[in-house]
Amino acid sequence: MEHFEGYTGVPVGGWQMADDLMFALLFILFASFALIFHFRFPLVVKMLKDTFQLKGRASLFEMPVKGFADSEWLFRSFMTVQALLLSAVAVFMTVRKQYHLPFGDVSDVLSFIGTVFLFFLLFYFFKQGLYTVIGRTFGEREHREVWKASCHAMTGLWGIVLYVPVMWLVFFDKSLVLPLQLFALLYVLYRLVLFFNTIRIFSIKRNDCLFLCLYFCAQEIIPLFLFIKGSIGLFNYIETNSLWR
């Protein structure tokens, strides 16, 4: 496909095609979220409560909201996918503005975003597995359930606020530093809240030092090292494939 019919109705090519595709993707994603917010509002409220309510109750996600029990899993899955997909779009827009990789058509753009999204999804599952190991080591089943609810809630809330920096990147062509700084700030806050929630749920006083050491090594240092290495390898792979097209 040499050209892409822009949302202005004018045939365009090059980077304008990518911008139009990002507009369409964000529109579909945001419209889907708006529908879910409208028709599943009790689940949204429960997600917000799960972010900080950690003690003196069972997991809210394990106590089905009346009338929405069957859709809770789909709701949590959508919120997670939304966060990861917005992160992939942010990476694409950063590459689109900072570098000049050749994207020939729509399939190239979708392949790039799909590859980055799959990488983020695998990393997310990897982190979830590490949390499961820590939970089984330091906590009872009820602790793990409360943490799982908190983790899903924080990821979903983070995905919602990501619309701000991602839309900034998509709709303001000259902006790059400020939206990326906002994206990084939101991610740091997401990790900090998740860290403090995890400490509050799993930390055992007589093993506090051991727990903190294992947590930082297993959840922050090692995953960060693997993420950086994986990101470098992924970018080199995408760049090499793009050059050979």
C-alpha atoms as a PDB file:
ATOM      1  CA  MET A   1       0.000   0.000   0.000  1.00  0.00           C
ATOM      2  CA  GLU A   2       1.726   3.187  -1.205  1.00  0.00           C
ATOM      3  CA  HIS A   3      -0.715   5.670   0.217  1.00  0.00           C
ATOM      4  CA  PHE A   4      -3.228   5.799   3.003  1.00  0.00           C
ATOM      5  CA  GLU A   5      -6.470   7.746   2.823  1.00  0.00           C
ATOM      6  CA  GLY A   6      -6.080  10.243   5.667  1.00  0.00           C
ATOM      7  CA  TYR A   7      -8.885  11.009   8.092  1.00  0.00           C
ATOM      8  CA  THR A   8      -9.019  14.472   6.469  1.00  0.00           C
ATOM      9  CA  GLY A   9     -10.050  12.803   3.202  1.00  0.00           C
ATOM     10  CA  VAL A  10      -6.791  13.694   1.431  1.00  0.00           C
ATOM     11  CA  PRO A  11      -4.562  10.848   0.119  1.00  0.00           C
ATOM     12  CA  VAL A  12      -1.304  10.975   2.038  1.00  0.00           C
ATOM     13  CA  GLY A  13       1.857   8.934   2.357  1.00  0.00           C
ATOM     14  CA  GLY A  14       4.907   8.579   4.553  1.00  0.00           C
ATOM     15  CA  TRP A  15       4.599   9.576   8.182  1.00  0.00           C
ATOM     16  CA  GLN A  16       1.150  11.120   7.692  1.00  0.00           C
ATOM     17  CA  MET A  17      -0.151   7.612   7.067  1.00  0.00           C
ATOM     18  CA  ALA A  18       1.272   6.512  10.422  1.00  0.00           C
ATOM     19  CA  ASP A  19      -0.275   9.519  12.179  1.00  0.00           C
ATOM     20  CA  ASP A  20      -3.686   8.766  10.684  1.00  0.00           C
ATOM     21  CA  LEU A  21      -3.386   5.136  11.720  1.00  0.00           C
ATOM     22  CA  MET A  22      -2.525   6.152  15.301  1.00  0.00           C
ATOM     23  CA  PHE A  23      -5.535   8.462  15.324  1.00  0.00           C
ATOM     24  CA  ALA A  24      -7.806   5.597  14.226  1.00  0.00           C
ATOM     25  CA  LEU A  25      -6.271   3.191  16.740  1.00  0.00           C
ATOM     26  CA  LEU A  26      -6.630   5.625  19.643  1.00  0.00           C
ATOM     27  CA  PHE A  27     -10.181   6.466  18.607  1.00  0.00           C
ATOM     28  CA  ILE A  28     -11.213   2.789  18.614  1.00  0.00           C
ATOM     29  CA  LEU A  29      -9.441   2.109  21.908  1.00  0.00           C
ATOM     30  CA  PHE A  30     -10.858   5.166  23.656  1.00  0.00           C
ATOM     31  CA  ALA A  31     -14.367   4.497  22.316  1.00  0.00           C
ATOM     32  CA  SER A  32     -14.159   0.936  23.644  1.00  0.00           C
ATOM     33  CA  PHE A  33     -13.066   2.220  27.045  1.00  0.00           C
ATOM     34  CA  ALA A  34     -15.892   4.783  27.070  1.00  0.00           C
ATOM     35  CA  LEU A  35     -18.465   2.044  26.403  1.00  0.00           C
ATOM     36  CA  ILE A  36     -17.019  -0.149  29.149  1.00  0.00           C
ATOM     37  CA  PHE A  37     -16.935   2.801  31.530  1.00  0.00           C
ATOM     38  CA  HIS A  38     -20.606   3.493  30.818  1.00  0.00           C
ATOM     39  CA  PHE A  39     -21.976  -0.047  30.938  1.00  0.00           C
ATOM     40  CA  ARG A  40     -19.624  -1.467  33.586  1.00  0.00           C
ATOM     41  CA  PHE A  41     -19.286   1.534  35.878  1.00  0.00           C
ATOM     42  CA  PRO A  42     -19.569  -0.550  39.109  1.00  0.00           C
ATOM     43  CA  LEU A  43     -16.453  -2.462  38.036  1.00  0.00           C
ATOM     44  CA  VAL A  44     -14.621   0.826  37.499  1.00  0.00           C
ATOM     45  CA  VAL A  45     -15.576   1.941  41.012  1.00  0.00           C
ATOM     46  CA  LYS A  46     -14.414  -1.387  42.407  1.00  0.00           C
ATOM     47  CA  MET A  47     -11.116  -1.041  40.547  1.00  0.00           C
ATOM     48  CA  LEU A  48     -10.515   2.350  42.175  1.00  0.00           C
ATOM     49  CA  LYS A  49     -11.272   0.933  45.622  1.00  0.00           C
ATOM     50  CA  ASP A  50      -8.942  -2.010  45.017  1.00  0.00           C
ATOM     51  CA  THR A  51      -6.056   0.367  44.418  1.00  0.00           C
ATOM     52  CA  PHE A  52      -5.693   1.357  48.063  1.00  0.00           C
ATOM     53  CA  GLN A  53      -8.040  -0.749  50.227  1.00  0.00           C
ATOM     54  CA  LEU A  54      -5.759  -3.559  51.328  1.00  0.00           C
ATOM     55  CA  LYS A  55      -6.624  -4.454  54.925  1.00  0.00           C
ATOM     56  CA  GLY A  56      -9.607  -5.734  56.832  1.00  0.00           C
ATOM     57  CA  ARG A  57     -11.453  -7.242  53.896  1.00  0.00           C
ATOM     58  CA  ALA A  58     -11.361  -9.957  51.300  1.00  0.00           C
ATOM     59  CA  SER A  59     -10.291  -9.036  47.808  1.00  0.00           C
ATOM     60  CA  LEU A  60     -12.920  -6.937  46.101  1.00  0.00           C
ATOM     61  CA  PHE A  61     -12.154  -8.670  42.834  1.00  0.00           C
ATOM     62  CA  GLU A  62     -13.000 -11.977  44.523  1.00  0.00           C
ATOM     63  CA  MET A  63     -16.347 -10.573  45.698  1.00  0.00           C
ATOM     64  CA  PRO A  64     -18.301 -10.242  42.431  1.00  0.00           C
ATOM     65  CA  VAL A  65     -20.242  -7.066  41.852  1.00  0.00           C
ATOM     66  CA  LYS A  66     -23.909  -7.924  41.639  1.00  0.00           C
ATOM     67  CA  GLY A  67     -24.904  -8.415  38.013  1.00  0.00           C
ATOM     68  CA  PHE A  68     -21.337  -8.238  36.639  1.00  0.00           C
ATOM     69  CA  ALA A  69     -19.684 -11.390  37.993  1.00  0.00           C
ATOM     70  CA  ASP A  70     -19.253 -12.982  34.556  1.00  0.00           C
ATOM     71  CA  SER A  71     -17.628  -9.894  33.027  1.00  0.00           C
ATOM     72  CA  GLU A  72     -15.019  -9.131  35.702  1.00  0.00           C
ATOM     73  CA  TRP A  73     -12.309 -11.199  34.017  1.00  0.00           C
ATOM     74  CA  LEU A  74     -12.972  -9.528  30.654  1.00  0.00           C
ATOM     75  CA  PHE A  75     -12.921  -6.116  32.322  1.00  0.00           C
ATOM     76  CA  ARG A  76      -9.551  -6.749  33.983  1.00  0.00           C
ATOM     77  CA  SER A  77      -8.145  -8.167  30.741  1.00  0.00           C
ATOM     78  CA  PHE A  78      -9.258  -5.147  28.715  1.00  0.00           C
ATOM     79  CA  MET A  79      -7.773  -2.695  31.219  1.00  0.00           C
ATOM     80  CA  THR A  80      -4.442  -4.537  31.118  1.00  0.00           C
ATOM     81  CA  VAL A  81      -4.410  -4.737  27.311  1.00  0.00           C
ATOM     82  CA  GLN A  82      -5.288  -1.041  27.135  1.00  0.00           C
ATOM     83  CA  ALA A  83      -2.298  -0.094  29.310  1.00  0.00           C
ATOM     84  CA  LEU A  84       0.131  -2.249  27.314  1.00  0.00           C
ATOM     85  CA  LEU A  85      -1.222  -1.127  23.939  1.00  0.00           C
ATOM     86  CA  LEU A  86      -0.957   2.547  24.888  1.00  0.00           C
ATOM     87  CA  SER A  87       2.630   1.891  25.971  1.00  0.00           C
ATOM     88  CA  ALA A  88       3.336   0.323  22.568  1.00  0.00           C
ATOM     89  CA  VAL A  89       1.826   3.356  20.817  1.00  0.00           C
ATOM     90  CA  ALA A  90       4.027   5.645  22.942  1.00  0.00           C
ATOM     91  CA  VAL A  91       7.116   3.685  21.863  1.00  0.00           C
ATOM     92  CA  PHE A  92       6.064   3.894  18.211  1.00  0.00           C
ATOM     93  CA  MET A  93       5.472   7.648  18.369  1.00  0.00           C
ATOM     94  CA  THR A  94       8.856   8.142  20.045  1.00  0.00           C
ATOM     95  CA  VAL A  95      10.560   6.210  17.241  1.00  0.00           C
ATOM     96  CA  ARG A  96       8.470   8.062  14.662  1.00  0.00           C
ATOM     97  CA  LYS A  97       9.656  11.454  15.977  1.00  0.00           C
ATOM     98  CA  GLN A  98      13.187  10.672  17.140  1.00  0.00           C
ATOM     99  CA  TYR A  99      14.351   8.255  14.435  1.00  0.00           C
ATOM    100  CA  HIS A 100      13.513   7.705  10.805  1.00  0.00           C
ATOM    101  CA  LEU A 101      12.832   4.021  10.329  1.00  0.00           C
ATOM    102  CA  PRO A 102      11.181   3.322   6.967  1.00  0.00           C
ATOM    103  CA  PHE A 103       7.568   2.223   7.388  1.00  0.00           C
ATOM    104  CA  GLY A 104       6.346   1.438   3.902  1.00  0.00           C
ATOM    105  CA  ASP A 105       2.673   0.779   4.550  1.00  0.00           C
ATOM    106  CA  VAL A 106       0.033   0.063   7.166  1.00  0.00           C
ATOM    107  CA  SER A 107       1.247  -3.499   7.721  1.00  0.00           C
ATOM    108  CA  ASP A 108       4.701  -2.199   8.710  1.00  0.00           C
ATOM    109  CA  VAL A 109       3.212   0.107  11.339  1.00  0.00           C
ATOM    110  CA  LEU A 110       0.909  -2.579  12.718  1.00  0.00           C
ATOM    111  CA  SER A 111       3.768  -5.098  12.774  1.00  0.00           C
ATOM    112  CA  PHE A 112       5.921  -2.680  14.764  1.00  0.00           C
ATOM    113  CA  ILE A 113       3.194  -1.951  17.310  1.00  0.00           C
ATOM    114  CA  GLY A 114       2.202  -5.621  17.492  1.00  0.00           C
ATOM    115  CA  THR A 115       5.784  -6.710  18.125  1.00  0.00           C
ATOM    116  CA  VAL A 116       6.300  -4.124  20.874  1.00  0.00           C
ATOM    117  CA  PHE A 117       2.924  -5.001  22.417  1.00  0.00           C
ATOM    118  CA  LEU A 118       3.802  -8.703  22.450  1.00  0.00           C
ATOM    119  CA  PHE A 119       7.137  -7.894  24.106  1.00  0.00           C
ATOM    120  CA  PHE A 120       5.375  -5.846  26.809  1.00  0.00           C
ATOM    121  CA  LEU A 121       2.789  -8.600  27.297  1.00  0.00           C
ATOM    122  CA  LEU A 122       5.455 -11.275  27.791  1.00  0.00           C
ATOM    123  CA  PHE A 123       7.297  -9.014  30.224  1.00  0.00           C
ATOM    124  CA  TYR A 124       4.039  -8.406  32.115  1.00  0.00           C
ATOM    125  CA  PHE A 125       3.414 -12.152  32.446  1.00  0.00           C
ATOM    126  CA  PHE A 126       7.021 -12.619  33.565  1.00  0.00           C
ATOM    127  CA  LYS A 127       6.523 -10.049  36.340  1.00  0.00           C
ATOM    128  CA  GLN A 128       3.256 -11.677  37.343  1.00  0.00           C
ATOM    129  CA  GLY A 129       5.060 -15.000  37.672  1.00  0.00           C
ATOM    130  CA  LEU A 130       7.689 -13.434  39.929  1.00  0.00           C
ATOM    131  CA  TYR A 131       4.971 -11.896  42.090  1.00  0.00           C
ATOM    132  CA  THR A 132       3.325 -15.306  42.386  1.00  0.00           C
ATOM    133  CA  VAL A 133       6.581 -16.831  43.634  1.00  0.00           C
ATOM    134  CA  ILE A 134       7.015 -14.045  46.203  1.00  0.00           C
ATOM    135  CA  GLY A 135       3.386 -14.366  47.266  1.00  0.00           C
ATOM    136  CA  ARG A 136       3.620 -18.114  47.808  1.00  0.00           C
ATOM    137  CA  THR A 137       6.851 -17.642  49.761  1.00  0.00           C
ATOM    138  CA  PHE A 138       5.823 -14.815  52.094  1.00  0.00           C
ATOM    139  CA  GLY A 139       2.025 -14.818  52.228  1.00  0.00           C
ATOM    140  CA  GLU A 140      -1.118 -16.850  52.596  1.00  0.00           C
ATOM    141  CA  ARG A 141      -3.737 -17.321  49.913  1.00  0.00           C
ATOM    142  CA  GLU A 142      -5.808 -14.353  51.121  1.00  0.00           C
ATOM    143  CA  HIS A 143      -2.727 -12.125  50.897  1.00  0.00           C
ATOM    144  CA  ARG A 144      -2.167 -13.209  47.310  1.00  0.00           C
ATOM    145  CA  GLU A 145      -5.800 -12.515  46.415  1.00  0.00           C
ATOM    146  CA  VAL A 146      -5.676  -9.023  47.907  1.00  0.00           C
ATOM    147  CA  TRP A 147      -2.411  -8.319  46.102  1.00  0.00           C
ATOM    148  CA  LYS A 148      -3.783  -9.627  42.790  1.00  0.00           C
ATOM    149  CA  ALA A 149      -6.759  -7.291  43.079  1.00  0.00           C
ATOM    150  CA  SER A 150      -4.467  -4.359  43.890  1.00  0.00           C
ATOM    151  CA  CYS A 151      -2.136  -5.155  40.980  1.00  0.00           C
ATOM    152  CA  HIS A 152      -4.969  -5.387  38.445  1.00  0.00           C
ATOM    153  CA  ALA A 153      -6.463  -2.167  39.781  1.00  0.00           C
ATOM    154  CA  MET A 154      -3.177  -0.252  39.626  1.00  0.00           C
ATOM    155  CA  THR A 155      -2.451  -1.486  36.097  1.00  0.00           C
ATOM    156  CA  GLY A 156      -5.936  -0.487  34.960  1.00  0.00           C
ATOM    157  CA  LEU A 157      -5.706   2.955  36.568  1.00  0.00           C
ATOM    158  CA  TRP A 158      -2.261   3.494  35.059  1.00  0.00           C
ATOM    159  CA  GLY A 159      -3.658   2.579  31.640  1.00  0.00           C
ATOM    160  CA  ILE A 160      -6.389   5.208  31.981  1.00  0.00           C
ATOM    161  CA  VAL A 161      -4.038   8.089  32.823  1.00  0.00           C
ATOM    162  CA  LEU A 162      -1.692   7.021  30.000  1.00  0.00           C
ATOM    163  CA  TYR A 163      -4.150   8.540  27.535  1.00  0.00           C
ATOM    164  CA  VAL A 164      -2.779  11.975  28.460  1.00  0.00           C
ATOM    165  CA  PRO A 165       0.891  11.523  27.399  1.00  0.00           C
ATOM    166  CA  VAL A 166       0.011   9.211  24.488  1.00  0.00           C
ATOM    167  CA  MET A 167      -2.520  11.643  22.981  1.00  0.00           C
ATOM    168  CA  TRP A 168       0.027  14.397  23.551  1.00  0.00           C
ATOM    169  CA  LEU A 169       2.548  12.433  21.506  1.00  0.00           C
ATOM    170  CA  VAL A 170       0.056  11.673  18.737  1.00  0.00           C
ATOM    171  CA  PHE A 171      -1.648  15.044  18.278  1.00  0.00           C
ATOM    172  CA  PHE A 172       1.186  17.505  18.951  1.00  0.00           C
ATOM    173  CA  ASP A 173       3.805  16.821  16.340  1.00  0.00           C
ATOM    174  CA  LYS A 174       6.648  18.881  17.819  1.00  0.00           C
ATOM    175  CA  SER A 175       6.224  17.630  21.386  1.00  0.00           C
ATOM    176  CA  LEU A 176       8.428  14.786  22.596  1.00  0.00           C
ATOM    177  CA  VAL A 177      10.344  15.564  25.787  1.00  0.00           C
ATOM    178  CA  LEU A 178       7.434  16.699  27.970  1.00  0.00           C
ATOM    179  CA  PRO A 179       5.035  13.830  27.158  1.00  0.00           C
ATOM    180  CA  LEU A 180       7.848  11.305  27.598  1.00  0.00           C
ATOM    181  CA  GLN A 181       8.704  12.849  30.958  1.00  0.00           C
ATOM    182  CA  LEU A 182       5.035  12.615  31.940  1.00  0.00           C
ATOM    183  CA  PHE A 183       4.926   8.991  30.757  1.00  0.00           C
ATOM    184  CA  ALA A 184       8.022   8.161  32.810  1.00  0.00           C
ATOM    185  CA  LEU A 185       6.609   9.959  35.868  1.00  0.00           C
ATOM    186  CA  LEU A 186       3.338   8.019  35.637  1.00  0.00           C
ATOM    187  CA  TYR A 187       5.238   4.736  35.339  1.00  0.00           C
ATOM    188  CA  VAL A 188       7.415   5.553  38.358  1.00  0.00           C
ATOM    189  CA  LEU A 189       4.326   6.426  40.406  1.00  0.00           C
ATOM    190  CA  TYR A 190       2.671   3.190  39.259  1.00  0.00           C
ATOM    191  CA  ARG A 191       5.688   1.150  40.373  1.00  0.00           C
ATOM    192  CA  LEU A 192       5.976   3.009  43.700  1.00  0.00           C
ATOM    193  CA  VAL A 193       2.321   2.497  44.627  1.00  0.00           C
ATOM    194  CA  LEU A 194       2.533  -1.156  43.616  1.00  0.00           C
ATOM    195  CA  PHE A 195       5.719  -1.524  45.670  1.00  0.00           C
ATOM    196  CA  PHE A 196       4.201  -0.005  48.818  1.00  0.00           C
ATOM    197  CA  ASN A 197       1.034  -2.060  48.389  1.00  0.00           C
ATOM    198  CA  THR A 198       3.111  -5.222  48.035  1.00  0.00           C
ATOM    199  CA  ILE A 199       5.122  -4.366  51.153  1.00  0.00           C
ATOM    200  CA  ARG A 200       1.940  -3.728  53.131  1.00  0.00           C
ATOM    201  CA  ILE A 201       0.421  -7.043  52.037  1.00  0.00           C
ATOM    202  CA  PHE A 202       3.355  -9.471  52.157  1.00  0.00           C
ATOM    203  CA  SER A 203       5.937  -8.007  54.507  1.00  0.00           C
ATOM    204  CA  ILE A 204       6.473 -10.095  57.664  1.00  0.00           C
ATOM    205  CA  LYS A 205       8.181  -8.167  60.472  1.00  0.00           C
ATOM    206  CA  ARG A 206      10.691 -10.835  61.400  1.00  0.00           C
ATOM    207  CA  ASN A 207      11.720 -11.217  57.749  1.00  0.00           C
ATOM    208  CA  ASP A 208      11.498  -7.613  56.588  1.00  0.00           C
ATOM    209  CA  CYS A 209      15.144  -7.374  55.484  1.00  0.00           C
ATOM    210  CA  LEU A 210      15.020 -10.664  53.593  1.00  0.00           C
ATOM    211  CA  PHE A 211      11.722  -9.734  51.958  1.00  0.00           C
ATOM    212  CA  LEU A 212      12.978  -6.324  50.804  1.00  0.00           C
ATOM    213  CA  CYS A 213      16.200  -7.790  49.388  1.00  0.00           C
ATOM    214  CA  LEU A 214      14.346 -10.501  47.491  1.00  0.00           C
ATOM    215  CA  TYR A 215      11.730  -8.055  46.272  1.00  0.00           C
ATOM    216  CA  PHE A 216      14.207  -5.541  44.869  1.00  0.00           C
ATOM    217  CA  CYS A 217      16.339  -8.228  43.253  1.00  0.00           C
ATOM    218  CA  ALA A 218      13.472 -10.283  41.824  1.00  0.00           C
ATOM    219  CA  GLN A 219      11.034  -7.496  40.961  1.00  0.00           C
ATOM    220  CA  GLU A 220      13.104  -4.425  40.157  1.00  0.00           C
ATOM    221  CA  ILE A 221      16.793  -5.025  39.428  1.00  0.00           C
ATOM    222  CA  ILE A 222      16.739  -8.290  37.454  1.00  0.00           C
ATOM    223  CA  PRO A 223      13.554  -7.474  35.451  1.00  0.00           C
ATOM    224  CA  LEU A 224      14.914  -3.993  34.653  1.00  0.00           C
ATOM    225  CA  PHE A 225      18.171  -5.503  33.378  1.00  0.00           C
ATOM    226  CA  LEU A 226      16.274  -8.056  31.269  1.00  0.00           C
ATOM    227  CA  PHE A 227      13.886  -5.383  29.988  1.00  0.00           C
ATOM    228  CA  ILE A 228      16.737  -3.128  28.843  1.00  0.00           C
ATOM    229  CA  LYS A 229      18.542  -6.014  27.146  1.00  0.00           C
ATOM    230  CA  GLY A 230      15.316  -7.191  25.538  1.00  0.00           C
ATOM    231  CA  SER A 231      14.417  -3.686  24.365  1.00  0.00           C
ATOM    232  CA  ILE A 232      17.830  -3.219  22.747  1.00  0.00           C
ATOM    233  CA  GLY A 233      17.555  -6.572  20.998  1.00  0.00           C
ATOM    234  CA  LEU A 234      13.982  -5.854  19.894  1.00  0.00           C
ATOM    235  CA  PHE A 235      14.884  -2.433  18.509  1.00  0.00           C
ATOM    236  CA  ASN A 236      17.883  -3.851  16.627  1.00  0.00           C
ATOM    237  CA  TYR A 237      15.661  -6.590  15.190  1.00  0.00           C
ATOM    238  CA  ILE A 238      13.021  -4.102  14.037  1.00  0.00           C
ATOM    239  CA  GLU A 239      15.629  -1.735  12.614  1.00  0.00           C
ATOM    240  CA  THR A 240      17.397  -4.537  10.725  1.00  0.00           C
ATOM    241  CA  ASN A 241      14.143  -5.834   9.252  1.00  0.00           C
ATOM    242  CA  SER A 242      13.109  -2.315   8.268  1.00  0.00           C
ATOM    243  CA  LEU A 243      16.384  -1.693   6.462  1.00  0.00           C
ATOM    244  CA  TRP A 244      16.017  -4.913   4.470  1.00  0.00           C
ATOM    245  CA  ARG A 245      12.486  -4.177   3.272  1.00  0.00           C
END
